[in-house]
C-alpha atoms as a PDB file:
ATOM      1  CA  UNK A   1       2.407  -4.576  15.663  1.00  0.00           C
ATOM      2  CA  UNK A   2       0.695  -7.723  14.491  1.00  0.00           C
ATOM      3  CA  UNK A   3      -1.827  -5.893  12.325  1.00  0.00           C
ATOM      4  CA  UNK A   4       0.971  -3.794  10.840  1.00  0.00           C
ATOM      5  CA  UNK A   5       3.253  -6.579   9.758  1.00  0.00           C
ATOM      6  CA  UNK A   6       1.013  -9.592   9.693  1.00  0.00           C
ATOM      7  CA  UNK A   7       2.000 -12.004   6.939  1.00  0.00           C
ATOM      8  CA  UNK A   8      -0.499 -11.526   4.124  1.00  0.00           C
ATOM      9  CA  UNK A   9      -3.055 -14.092   3.048  1.00  0.00           C
ATOM     10  CA  UNK A  10      -1.163 -14.956  -0.122  1.00  0.00           C
ATOM     11  CA  UNK A  11       1.768 -16.029   2.021  1.00  0.00           C
ATOM     12  CA  UNK A  12      -0.402 -18.368   4.051  1.00  0.00           C
ATOM     13  CA  UNK A  13      -1.419 -20.305   0.976  1.00  0.00           C
ATOM     14  CA  UNK A  14       2.091 -21.211  -0.134  1.00  0.00           C
ATOM     15  CA  UNK A  15       3.350 -21.990   3.347  1.00  0.00           C
ATOM     16  CA  UNK A  16       0.466 -24.223   4.318  1.00  0.00           C
ATOM     17  CA  UNK A  17       0.798 -26.152   1.073  1.00  0.00           C
ATOM     18  CA  UNK A  18       4.449 -26.789   1.846  1.00  0.00           C
ATOM     19  CA  UNK A  19       3.673 -27.671   5.467  1.00  0.00           C
ATOM     20  CA  UNK A  20       1.035 -30.206   4.572  1.00  0.00           C
ATOM     21  CA  UNK A  21       3.238 -31.803   1.943  1.00  0.00           C
ATOM     22  CA  UNK A  22       6.164 -32.242   4.322  1.00  0.00           C
ATOM     23  CA  UNK A  23       4.217 -33.286   7.434  1.00  0.00           C
ATOM     24  CA  UNK A  24       1.578 -35.682   6.101  1.00  0.00           C
ATOM     25  CA  UNK A  25       2.019 -39.068   7.693  1.00  0.00           C
ATOM     26  CA  UNK A  26      -0.927 -40.835   6.083  1.00  0.00           C
ATOM     27  CA  UNK A  27      -1.962 -41.334   2.463  1.00  0.00           C
ATOM     28  CA  UNK A  28      -4.425 -38.528   1.664  1.00  0.00           C
ATOM     29  CA  UNK A  29      -7.279 -38.542  -0.722  1.00  0.00           C
ATOM     30  CA  UNK A  30      -6.317 -36.786  -3.942  1.00  0.00           C
ATOM     31  CA  UNK A  31      -8.483 -33.745  -4.693  1.00  0.00           C
ATOM     32  CA  UNK A  32      -6.736 -32.580  -7.879  1.00  0.00           C
ATOM     33  CA  UNK A  33      -4.360 -33.887 -10.520  1.00  0.00           C
ATOM     34  CA  UNK A  34      -2.277 -31.269 -12.343  1.00  0.00           C
ATOM     35  CA  UNK A  35      -0.290 -32.965 -15.113  1.00  0.00           C
ATOM     36  CA  UNK A  36       2.168 -35.128 -13.160  1.00  0.00           C
ATOM     37  CA  UNK A  37       1.513 -33.451  -9.792  1.00  0.00           C
ATOM     38  CA  UNK A  38      -1.238 -33.991  -7.249  1.00  0.00           C
ATOM     39  CA  UNK A  39      -2.954 -31.908  -4.573  1.00  0.00           C
ATOM     40  CA  UNK A  40      -4.136 -33.787  -1.507  1.00  0.00           C
ATOM     41  CA  UNK A  41      -7.042 -33.141   0.811  1.00  0.00           C
ATOM     42  CA  UNK A  42      -4.690 -32.360   3.704  1.00  0.00           C
ATOM     43  CA  UNK A  43      -2.935 -29.722   1.600  1.00  0.00           C
ATOM     44  CA  UNK A  44      -6.255 -28.121   0.732  1.00  0.00           C
ATOM     45  CA  UNK A  45      -7.480 -28.287   4.346  1.00  0.00           C
ATOM     46  CA  UNK A  46      -4.261 -26.714   5.594  1.00  0.00           C
ATOM     47  CA  UNK A  47      -4.454 -23.967   2.982  1.00  0.00           C
ATOM     48  CA  UNK A  48      -8.027 -23.042   3.793  1.00  0.00           C
ATOM     49  CA  UNK A  49      -7.708 -23.269   7.587  1.00  0.00           C
ATOM     50  CA  UNK A  50      -6.415 -19.697   8.243  1.00  0.00           C
ATOM     51  CA  UNK A  51      -9.261 -18.274   6.173  1.00  0.00           C
ATOM     52  CA  UNK A  52     -11.827 -20.372   8.025  1.00  0.00           C
ATOM     53  CA  UNK A  53     -10.515 -19.081  11.352  1.00  0.00           C
ATOM     54  CA  UNK A  54     -11.140 -15.523  10.164  1.00  0.00           C
ATOM     55  CA  UNK A  55     -14.514 -16.484   8.737  1.00  0.00           C
ATOM     56  CA  UNK A  56     -15.636 -18.088  11.998  1.00  0.00           C
ATOM     57  CA  UNK A  57     -14.697 -14.892  13.833  1.00  0.00           C
ATOM     58  CA  UNK A  58     -17.204 -12.954  11.727  1.00  0.00           C
ATOM     59  CA  UNK A  59     -20.775 -12.547  12.960  1.00  0.00           C
ATOM     60  CA  UNK A  60     -22.400 -14.158   9.913  1.00  0.00           C
ATOM     61  CA  UNK A  61     -25.443 -16.453   9.963  1.00  0.00           C
ATOM     62  CA  UNK A  62     -24.504 -20.157   9.684  1.00  0.00           C
ATOM     63  CA  UNK A  63     -25.906 -20.489   6.146  1.00  0.00           C
ATOM     64  CA  UNK A  64     -23.885 -17.526   4.921  1.00  0.00           C
ATOM     65  CA  UNK A  65     -20.730 -18.925   6.530  1.00  0.00           C
ATOM     66  CA  UNK A  66     -21.380 -22.245   4.818  1.00  0.00           C
ATOM     67  CA  UNK A  67     -21.723 -20.583   1.397  1.00  0.00           C
ATOM     68  CA  UNK A  68     -18.582 -18.499   1.905  1.00  0.00           C
ATOM     69  CA  UNK A  69     -16.622 -21.554   3.065  1.00  0.00           C
ATOM     70  CA  UNK A  70     -17.753 -23.521   0.003  1.00  0.00           C
ATOM     71  CA  UNK A  71     -16.631 -20.726  -2.327  1.00  0.00           C
ATOM     72  CA  UNK A  72     -13.367 -20.345  -0.422  1.00  0.00           C
ATOM     73  CA  UNK A  73     -12.629 -24.032  -0.839  1.00  0.00           C
ATOM     74  CA  UNK A  74     -13.113 -23.911  -4.591  1.00  0.00           C
ATOM     75  CA  UNK A  75     -11.260 -20.634  -5.028  1.00  0.00           C
ATOM     76  CA  UNK A  76      -8.272 -21.791  -3.000  1.00  0.00           C
ATOM     77  CA  UNK A  77      -8.117 -25.088  -4.855  1.00  0.00           C
ATOM     78  CA  UNK A  78      -8.074 -23.102  -8.109  1.00  0.00           C
ATOM     79  CA  UNK A  79      -5.162 -20.990  -6.810  1.00  0.00           C
ATOM     80  CA  UNK A  80      -3.325 -24.147  -5.740  1.00  0.00           C
ATOM     81  CA  UNK A  81      -3.766 -25.609  -9.223  1.00  0.00           C
ATOM     82  CA  UNK A  82      -2.375 -22.421 -10.740  1.00  0.00           C
ATOM     83  CA  UNK A  83       0.573 -22.550  -8.378  1.00  0.00           C
ATOM     84  CA  UNK A  84       1.285 -26.136  -9.370  1.00  0.00           C
ATOM     85  CA  UNK A  85       1.254 -25.118 -13.032  1.00  0.00           C
ATOM     86  CA  UNK A  86       3.609 -22.179 -12.483  1.00  0.00           C
ATOM     87  CA  UNK A  87       5.882 -24.341 -10.314  1.00  0.00           C
ATOM     88  CA  UNK A  88       6.080 -26.799 -13.187  1.00  0.00           C
ATOM     89  CA  UNK A  89       7.081 -23.989 -15.569  1.00  0.00           C
ATOM     90  CA  UNK A  90       9.687 -22.759 -13.095  1.00  0.00           C
ATOM     91  CA  UNK A  91      11.223 -26.234 -13.085  1.00  0.00           C
ATOM     92  CA  UNK A  92      11.003 -26.459 -16.868  1.00  0.00           C
ATOM     93  CA  UNK A  93      12.877 -23.185 -17.323  1.00  0.00           C
ATOM     94  CA  UNK A  94      15.193 -23.922 -14.375  1.00  0.00           C
ATOM     95  CA  UNK A  95      14.428 -20.525 -12.801  1.00  0.00           C
ATOM     96  CA  UNK A  96      16.244 -19.990  -9.517  1.00  0.00           C
ATOM     97  CA  UNK A  97      16.337 -17.398  -6.750  1.00  0.00           C
ATOM     98  CA  UNK A  98      19.598 -16.815  -4.881  1.00  0.00           C
ATOM     99  CA  UNK A  99      19.930 -16.503  -1.117  1.00  0.00           C
ATOM    100  CA  UNK A 100      21.152 -12.913  -1.535  1.00  0.00           C
ATOM    101  CA  UNK A 101      17.993 -12.023  -3.481  1.00  0.00           C
ATOM    102  CA  UNK A 102      15.908 -13.372  -0.608  1.00  0.00           C
ATOM    103  CA  UNK A 103      18.000 -11.406   1.903  1.00  0.00           C
ATOM    104  CA  UNK A 104      17.508  -8.200  -0.088  1.00  0.00           C
ATOM    105  CA  UNK A 105      13.759  -8.760  -0.358  1.00  0.00           C
ATOM    106  CA  UNK A 106      13.443  -9.296   3.387  1.00  0.00           C
ATOM    107  CA  UNK A 107      15.490  -6.160   4.076  1.00  0.00           C
ATOM    108  CA  UNK A 108      13.207  -4.144   1.774  1.00  0.00           C
ATOM    109  CA  UNK A 109      10.164  -5.507   3.596  1.00  0.00           C
ATOM    110  CA  UNK A 110      11.563  -4.596   7.024  1.00  0.00           C
ATOM    111  CA  UNK A 111      12.464  -1.116   5.817  1.00  0.00           C
ATOM    112  CA  UNK A 112       9.013  -0.566   4.290  1.00  0.00           C
ATOM    113  CA  UNK A 113       7.340  -1.684   7.535  1.00  0.00           C
ATOM    114  CA  UNK A 114       9.845   0.160   9.774  1.00  0.00           C
ATOM    115  CA  UNK A 115      10.520  -2.954  11.843  1.00  0.00           C
ATOM    116  CA  UNK A 116      13.619  -4.662  13.188  1.00  0.00           C
ATOM    117  CA  UNK A 117      14.628  -8.250  12.463  1.00  0.00           C
ATOM    118  CA  UNK A 118      13.579  -9.216  15.990  1.00  0.00           C
ATOM    119  CA  UNK A 119      10.118  -7.702  15.454  1.00  0.00           C
ATOM    120  CA  UNK A 120       9.753  -9.639  12.211  1.00  0.00           C
ATOM    121  CA  UNK A 121      10.651 -12.893  13.968  1.00  0.00           C
ATOM    122  CA  UNK A 122       8.142 -12.138  16.733  1.00  0.00           C
ATOM    123  CA  UNK A 123       5.387 -11.472  14.196  1.00  0.00           C
ATOM    124  CA  UNK A 124       6.160 -14.704  12.341  1.00  0.00           C
ATOM    125  CA  UNK A 125       6.044 -16.631  15.612  1.00  0.00           C
ATOM    126  CA  UNK A 126       2.628 -15.118  16.374  1.00  0.00           C
ATOM    127  CA  UNK A 127       1.431 -16.410  13.005  1.00  0.00           C
ATOM    128  CA  UNK A 128       2.896 -19.847  13.709  1.00  0.00           C
ATOM    129  CA  UNK A 129       5.613 -19.511  11.080  1.00  0.00           C
ATOM    130  CA  UNK A 130       9.347 -20.060  11.277  1.00  0.00           C
ATOM    131  CA  UNK A 131      11.929 -17.811   9.658  1.00  0.00           C
ATOM    132  CA  UNK A 132      12.773 -20.606   7.224  1.00  0.00           C
ATOM    133  CA  UNK A 133       9.086 -20.871   6.282  1.00  0.00           C
ATOM    134  CA  UNK A 134       9.154 -17.144   5.562  1.00  0.00           C
ATOM    135  CA  UNK A 135      12.316 -17.379   3.464  1.00  0.00           C
ATOM    136  CA  UNK A 136      10.850 -20.268   1.525  1.00  0.00           C
ATOM    137  CA  UNK A 137       7.757 -18.217   0.796  1.00  0.00           C
ATOM    138  CA  UNK A 138       9.883 -15.264  -0.279  1.00  0.00           C
ATOM    139  CA  UNK A 139      11.729 -17.576  -2.649  1.00  0.00           C
ATOM    140  CA  UNK A 140       8.461 -18.674  -4.242  1.00  0.00           C
ATOM    141  CA  UNK A 141       7.232 -15.083  -4.595  1.00  0.00           C
ATOM    142  CA  UNK A 142      10.510 -13.881  -6.117  1.00  0.00           C
ATOM    143  CA  UNK A 143      10.263 -16.616  -8.725  1.00  0.00           C
ATOM    144  CA  UNK A 144       7.015 -15.115 -10.062  1.00  0.00           C
ATOM    145  CA  UNK A 145       8.477 -11.932 -11.632  1.00  0.00           C
ATOM    146  CA  UNK A 146      11.301 -14.015 -13.087  1.00  0.00           C
ATOM    147  CA  UNK A 147       8.770 -16.346 -14.649  1.00  0.00           C
ATOM    148  CA  UNK A 148       6.835 -13.345 -15.995  1.00  0.00           C
ATOM    149  CA  UNK A 149      10.013 -11.936 -17.528  1.00  0.00           C
ATOM    150  CA  UNK A 150      10.840 -15.307 -19.037  1.00  0.00           C
ATOM    151  CA  UNK A 151       7.427 -15.880 -20.572  1.00  0.00           C
ATOM    152  CA  UNK A 152       5.952 -12.531 -21.588  1.00  0.00           C
ATOM    153  CA  UNK A 153       8.556  -9.754 -21.207  1.00  0.00           C
ATOM    154  CA  UNK A 154       9.102  -9.382 -24.946  1.00  0.00           C
ATOM    155  CA  UNK A 155       5.341  -9.057 -25.456  1.00  0.00           C
ATOM    156  CA  UNK A 156       4.934  -6.031 -23.159  1.00  0.00           C
ATOM    157  CA  UNK A 157       5.546  -2.666 -24.799  1.00  0.00           C
ATOM    158  CA  UNK A 158       5.007   0.675 -23.045  1.00  0.00           C
ATOM    159  CA  UNK A 159       5.294   3.775 -25.243  1.00  0.00           C
ATOM    160  CA  UNK A 160       6.420   7.282 -24.293  1.00  0.00           C
ATOM    161  CA  UNK A 161       2.934   8.474 -25.206  1.00  0.00           C
ATOM    162  CA  UNK A 162       1.372   6.093 -22.669  1.00  0.00           C
ATOM    163  CA  UNK A 163       3.779   7.263 -19.971  1.00  0.00           C
ATOM    164  CA  UNK A 164       3.007  10.943 -20.665  1.00  0.00           C
ATOM    165  CA  UNK A 165      -0.751  10.281 -20.711  1.00  0.00           C
ATOM    166  CA  UNK A 166      -0.526   8.504 -17.345  1.00  0.00           C
ATOM    167  CA  UNK A 167       1.444  11.419 -15.879  1.00  0.00           C
ATOM    168  CA  UNK A 168      -1.138  13.933 -17.078  1.00  0.00           C
ATOM    169  CA  UNK A 169      -4.129  11.858 -15.915  1.00  0.00           C
ATOM    170  CA  UNK A 170      -2.613  11.203 -12.490  1.00  0.00           C
ATOM    171  CA  UNK A 171      -0.794  14.502 -11.964  1.00  0.00           C
ATOM    172  CA  UNK A 172      -1.982  14.773  -8.352  1.00  0.00           C
ATOM    173  CA  UNK A 173       0.017  11.659  -7.485  1.00  0.00           C
ATOM    174  CA  UNK A 174       3.210  13.447  -8.478  1.00  0.00           C
ATOM    175  CA  UNK A 175       2.569  16.862  -6.937  1.00  0.00           C
ATOM    176  CA  UNK A 176       4.004  15.843  -3.594  1.00  0.00           C
ATOM    177  CA  UNK A 177       2.667  16.993  -0.243  1.00  0.00           C
ATOM    178  CA  UNK A 178       2.530  20.619   0.848  1.00  0.00           C
ATOM    179  CA  UNK A 179       3.267  21.988   4.291  1.00  0.00           C
ATOM    180  CA  UNK A 180       2.251  25.516   5.243  1.00  0.00           C
ATOM    181  CA  UNK A 181       4.507  27.600   7.472  1.00  0.00           C
ATOM    182  CA  UNK A 182       1.882  29.727   9.235  1.00  0.00           C
ATOM    183  CA  UNK A 183       1.537  32.706  11.540  1.00  0.00           C
ATOM    184  CA  UNK A 184      -1.691  33.903  13.100  1.00  0.00           C
ATOM    185  CA  UNK A 185      -3.364  36.764  14.883  1.00  0.00           C
ATOM    186  CA  UNK A 186      -6.155  35.792  17.272  1.00  0.00           C
ATOM    187  CA  UNK A 187      -8.610  37.968  19.184  1.00  0.00           C
ATOM    188  CA  UNK A 188     -12.168  37.836  20.509  1.00  0.00           C
ATOM    189  CA  UNK A 189     -13.023  41.296  19.134  1.00  0.00           C
ATOM    190  CA  UNK A 190     -14.400  40.940  15.585  1.00  0.00           C
ATOM    191  CA  UNK A 191     -14.378  44.712  14.947  1.00  0.00           C
ATOM    192  CA  UNK A 192     -10.707  44.924  15.879  1.00  0.00           C
ATOM    193  CA  UNK A 193      -9.885  41.972  13.632  1.00  0.00           C
ATOM    194  CA  UNK A 194     -11.647  43.678  10.728  1.00  0.00           C
ATOM    195  CA  UNK A 195      -9.480  46.750  11.334  1.00  0.00           C
ATOM    196  CA  UNK A 196      -6.324  44.619  11.404  1.00  0.00           C
ATOM    197  CA  UNK A 197      -7.377  42.961   8.156  1.00  0.00           C
ATOM    198  CA  UNK A 198      -7.598  46.382   6.520  1.00  0.00           C
ATOM    199  CA  UNK A 199      -4.099  47.192   7.783  1.00  0.00           C
ATOM    200  CA  UNK A 200      -2.793  43.931   6.337  1.00  0.00           C
ATOM    201  CA  UNK A 201      -4.512  44.637   3.023  1.00  0.00           C
ATOM    202  CA  UNK A 202      -2.567  47.916   3.045  1.00  0.00           C
ATOM    203  CA  UNK A 203       0.680  45.962   3.383  1.00  0.00           C
ATOM    204  CA  UNK A 204       1.377  46.581   7.072  1.00  0.00           C
ATOM    205  CA  UNK A 205       3.667  44.027   8.728  1.00  0.00           C
ATOM    206  CA  UNK A 206       1.848  40.899   9.878  1.00  0.00           C
ATOM    207  CA  UNK A 207       4.564  40.167  12.445  1.00  0.00           C
ATOM    208  CA  UNK A 208       4.335  43.647  13.952  1.00  0.00           C
ATOM    209  CA  UNK A 209       0.527  43.531  14.158  1.00  0.00           C
ATOM    210  CA  UNK A 210       0.621  40.065  15.736  1.00  0.00           C
ATOM    211  CA  UNK A 211       3.041  41.283  18.405  1.00  0.00           C
ATOM    212  CA  UNK A 212       0.886  44.323  19.152  1.00  0.00           C
ATOM    213  CA  UNK A 213      -2.642  42.905  19.034  1.00  0.00           C
ATOM    214  CA  UNK A 214      -2.773  39.095  19.071  1.00  0.00           C
ATOM    215  CA  UNK A 215      -4.013  37.439  22.245  1.00  0.00           C
ATOM    216  CA  UNK A 216      -2.339  34.142  21.430  1.00  0.00           C
ATOM    217  CA  UNK A 217       0.507  32.686  23.442  1.00  0.00           C
ATOM    218  CA  UNK A 218       2.720  33.107  20.392  1.00  0.00           C
ATOM    219  CA  UNK A 219       2.157  36.876  20.052  1.00  0.00           C
ATOM    220  CA  UNK A 220       5.678  37.741  21.199  1.00  0.00           C
ATOM    221  CA  UNK A 221       7.013  35.551  18.368  1.00  0.00           C
ATOM    222  CA  UNK A 222       4.984  37.482  15.802  1.00  0.00           C
ATOM    223  CA  UNK A 223       2.234  34.854  15.729  1.00  0.00           C
ATOM    224  CA  UNK A 224       4.576  31.996  14.771  1.00  0.00           C
ATOM    225  CA  UNK A 225       2.635  28.698  14.552  1.00  0.00           C
ATOM    226  CA  UNK A 226       4.957  26.310  12.706  1.00  0.00           C
ATOM    227  CA  UNK A 227       4.611  24.039   9.686  1.00  0.00           C
ATOM    228  CA  UNK A 228       1.443  22.034   9.022  1.00  0.00           C
ATOM    229  CA  UNK A 229       0.126  19.728   6.333  1.00  0.00           C
ATOM    230  CA  UNK A 230      -3.418  20.284   5.151  1.00  0.00           C
ATOM    231  CA  UNK A 231      -4.522  17.078   6.858  1.00  0.00           C
ATOM    232  CA  UNK A 232      -3.576  18.618  10.219  1.00  0.00           C
ATOM    233  CA  UNK A 233      -5.905  21.592   9.697  1.00  0.00           C
ATOM    234  CA  UNK A 234      -9.642  21.920  10.105  1.00  0.00           C
ATOM    235  CA  UNK A 235     -11.689  22.082   6.927  1.00  0.00           C
ATOM    236  CA  UNK A 236     -12.509  25.703   7.752  1.00  0.00           C
ATOM    237  CA  UNK A 237      -8.838  26.730   7.872  1.00  0.00           C
ATOM    238  CA  UNK A 238      -8.070  24.712   4.738  1.00  0.00           C
ATOM    239  CA  UNK A 239     -10.758  26.642   2.865  1.00  0.00           C
ATOM    240  CA  UNK A 240      -9.398  29.972   4.124  1.00  0.00           C
ATOM    241  CA  UNK A 241      -5.957  29.096   2.719  1.00  0.00           C
ATOM    242  CA  UNK A 242      -7.237  27.763  -0.595  1.00  0.00           C
ATOM    243  CA  UNK A 243      -5.691  29.620  -3.533  1.00  0.00           C
ATOM    244  CA  UNK A 244      -3.307  31.690  -1.401  1.00  0.00           C
ATOM    245  CA  UNK A 245       0.430  31.828  -1.967  1.00  0.00           C
ATOM    246  CA  UNK A 246       3.515  32.526   0.097  1.00  0.00           C
ATOM    247  CA  UNK A 247       3.351  36.019   1.636  1.00  0.00           C
ATOM    248  CA  UNK A 248      -0.456  36.258   1.559  1.00  0.00           C
ATOM    249  CA  UNK A 249      -2.979  36.271   4.412  1.00  0.00           C
ATOM    250  CA  UNK A 250      -6.499  34.939   4.868  1.00  0.00           C
ATOM    251  CA  UNK A 251      -9.687  36.833   5.615  1.00  0.00           C
ATOM    252  CA  UNK A 252     -10.934  36.857   9.218  1.00  0.00           C
ATOM    253  CA  UNK A 253     -11.777  33.270  10.186  1.00  0.00           C
ATOM    254  CA  UNK A 254     -14.230  32.504  12.998  1.00  0.00           C
ATOM    255  CA  UNK A 255     -12.952  29.561  15.070  1.00  0.00           C
ATOM    256  CA  UNK A 256     -13.752  28.018  18.446  1.00  0.00           C
ATOM    257  CA  UNK A 257     -10.726  29.840  19.905  1.00  0.00           C
ATOM    258  CA  UNK A 258     -11.759  33.238  18.553  1.00  0.00           C
ATOM    259  CA  UNK A 259     -11.393  35.255  15.352  1.00  0.00           C
ATOM    260  CA  UNK A 260      -8.169  34.546  13.487  1.00  0.00           C
ATOM    261  CA  UNK A 261      -6.182  35.733  10.506  1.00  0.00           C
ATOM    262  CA  UNK A 262      -3.538  33.382   9.103  1.00  0.00           C
ATOM    263  CA  UNK A 263      -0.420  34.403   7.218  1.00  0.00           C
ATOM    264  CA  UNK A 264       1.515  32.071   4.912  1.00  0.00           C
ATOM    265  CA  UNK A 265       5.190  32.508   5.686  1.00  0.00           C
ATOM    266  CA  UNK A 266       6.128  29.748   3.250  1.00  0.00           C
ATOM    267  CA  UNK A 267       4.800  26.691   1.422  1.00  0.00           C
ATOM    268  CA  UNK A 268       7.135  23.703   1.446  1.00  0.00           C
ATOM    269  CA  UNK A 269       6.490  20.933  -1.094  1.00  0.00           C
ATOM    270  CA  UNK A 270       7.988  17.477  -0.435  1.00  0.00           C
ATOM    271  CA  UNK A 271       8.102  14.625  -2.924  1.00  0.00           C
ATOM    272  CA  UNK A 272       7.014  16.490  -6.058  1.00  0.00           C
ATOM    273  CA  UNK A 273       8.201  14.840  -9.283  1.00  0.00           C
ATOM    274  CA  UNK A 274       8.621  16.365 -12.719  1.00  0.00           C
ATOM    275  CA  UNK A 275       7.648  14.276 -15.751  1.00  0.00           C
ATOM    276  CA  UNK A 276      11.281  13.323 -16.299  1.00  0.00           C
ATOM    277  CA  UNK A 277      11.653  12.267 -12.652  1.00  0.00           C
ATOM    278  CA  UNK A 278       8.396  10.294 -12.661  1.00  0.00           C
ATOM    279  CA  UNK A 279       8.840   8.604 -16.055  1.00  0.00           C
ATOM    280  CA  UNK A 280      10.726   5.545 -14.778  1.00  0.00           C
ATOM    281  CA  UNK A 281       8.244   4.987 -11.956  1.00  0.00           C
ATOM    282  CA  UNK A 282       5.333   5.264 -14.394  1.00  0.00           C
ATOM    283  CA  UNK A 283       7.053   2.867 -16.799  1.00  0.00           C
ATOM    284  CA  UNK A 284       7.233   0.287 -14.012  1.00  0.00           C
ATOM    285  CA  UNK A 285       3.570   0.831 -13.094  1.00  0.00           C
ATOM    286  CA  UNK A 286       2.361   0.441 -16.679  1.00  0.00           C
ATOM    287  CA  UNK A 287       4.706  -2.446 -17.388  1.00  0.00           C
ATOM    288  CA  UNK A 288       3.582  -4.372 -14.295  1.00  0.00           C
ATOM    289  CA  UNK A 289      -0.078  -3.740 -15.082  1.00  0.00           C
ATOM    290  CA  UNK A 290       0.251  -4.981 -18.655  1.00  0.00           C
ATOM    291  CA  UNK A 291       2.535  -7.837 -17.619  1.00  0.00           C
ATOM    292  CA  UNK A 292      -0.035  -9.088 -15.097  1.00  0.00           C
ATOM    293  CA  UNK A 293      -2.722  -9.068 -17.778  1.00  0.00           C
ATOM    294  CA  UNK A 294      -0.561 -11.002 -20.207  1.00  0.00           C
ATOM    295  CA  UNK A 295       0.574 -13.368 -17.453  1.00  0.00           C
ATOM    296  CA  UNK A 296      -3.063 -14.098 -16.598  1.00  0.00           C
ATOM    297  CA  UNK A 297      -3.765 -14.836 -20.259  1.00  0.00           C
ATOM    298  CA  UNK A 298      -0.668 -17.050 -20.417  1.00  0.00           C
ATOM    299  CA  UNK A 299      -1.780 -18.871 -17.263  1.00  0.00           C
ATOM    300  CA  UNK A 300      -5.244 -19.495 -18.720  1.00  0.00           C
ATOM    301  CA  UNK A 301      -3.576 -21.017 -21.790  1.00  0.00           C
ATOM    302  CA  UNK A 302      -1.473 -23.228 -19.526  1.00  0.00           C
ATOM    303  CA  UNK A 303      -4.627 -24.444 -17.791  1.00  0.00           C
ATOM    304  CA  UNK A 304      -6.381 -25.202 -21.079  1.00  0.00           C
ATOM    305  CA  UNK A 305      -3.429 -27.246 -22.324  1.00  0.00           C
ATOM    306  CA  UNK A 306      -2.786 -29.039 -19.042  1.00  0.00           C
ATOM    307  CA  UNK A 307      -4.249 -32.277 -17.772  1.00  0.00           C
ATOM    308  CA  UNK A 308      -6.280 -31.094 -14.775  1.00  0.00           C
ATOM    309  CA  UNK A 309      -8.791 -33.176 -12.889  1.00  0.00           C
ATOM    310  CA  UNK A 310     -10.525 -32.109  -9.667  1.00  0.00           C
ATOM    311  CA  UNK A 311     -12.160 -34.559  -7.282  1.00  0.00           C
ATOM    312  CA  UNK A 312     -13.681 -32.547  -4.451  1.00  0.00           C
END
C-alpha cells in the first residue's frame, strides 16, 4: 500500500520547509534571502533529508553519491526560492483556499487511489506526516492553479483548430479499450481442424461444430470462453484476431494446448470518446500545458526582478 499511495516528493518539500520553520529552536545560518523572506540552513537540510535517505539506499559509488547530493542541494534550494516567490505573490493577491476545497481535493485523491480515509492516515503516519501536515500541503498545492489563473489565464488561448489537431494526432487515446467475447474449438488433430475450418468458411455454425468436435472443457457450451482484453491474450492469439470483426473466425492457431480456432462473438468497446465528447478534456490538457509554460516564464521574470541572494 505504501508504494501505491506514498506522498510524492513534491509534497515532502513543502512539508519539511514548514516543519523546520515551526520547530527550529536555535538561530540558523541564512542560506538564501528572497526579497523580505529568508531560507535557513535547517529548512534546507530538512527539505533535502528525504531525498538523501533514498540516495543512500542506492548502490552508487561514494563519489557519485557526493555529486548527486551536491546537485540535489542546489536544485532544492532553487525550488525553495521559487516557492518563496510564489508565496509572496499569493499574499500580494490575497489568494485563499477554503477548507471545503481541501476536503474535495482529498476526496478526489482517495477515490483516484481507491483507498479509505483510514488507509490514507496509515500511509501518512508511515511517512512521518500528520493529517494536518497533509491538509496544509494540499492548501499550498491548491493555491498554485489559482495563482496561475490570476497571473496568466487571460494570456492562454486554445483554438478549436488546436483541439481538433490534438484529437487527430492522439486518436488512439480516445478509442477506448476493446474486449473480445470469444469462443473456441480445440483439438490435437491438425487435419480435423483444417476440415472444420473449411466448414466454418462455408458458414456452418461455430457453436454446433464446437459442441460436436472440440476437446475443450467448454465444448458443451459451444466453446464459450468469455470476454478478454488484448492484454490478457498471447501475442499469437492477438495476431490471429487482428483485423477480424464480430461474427468472424480465425485461421487454425497452433498453441501449447493444441490447435485452436477462435470465433468473435462480440467486440465490446469501453471508454471510447467522439471528438465532441473529448473536446473539453483536450481543452484542459492544452490549456494546462500552455499555462505551465507561461507560468514558468512568469516565474523567471519574478526571479529576475526579485532581490535574491544565496549563501551556501
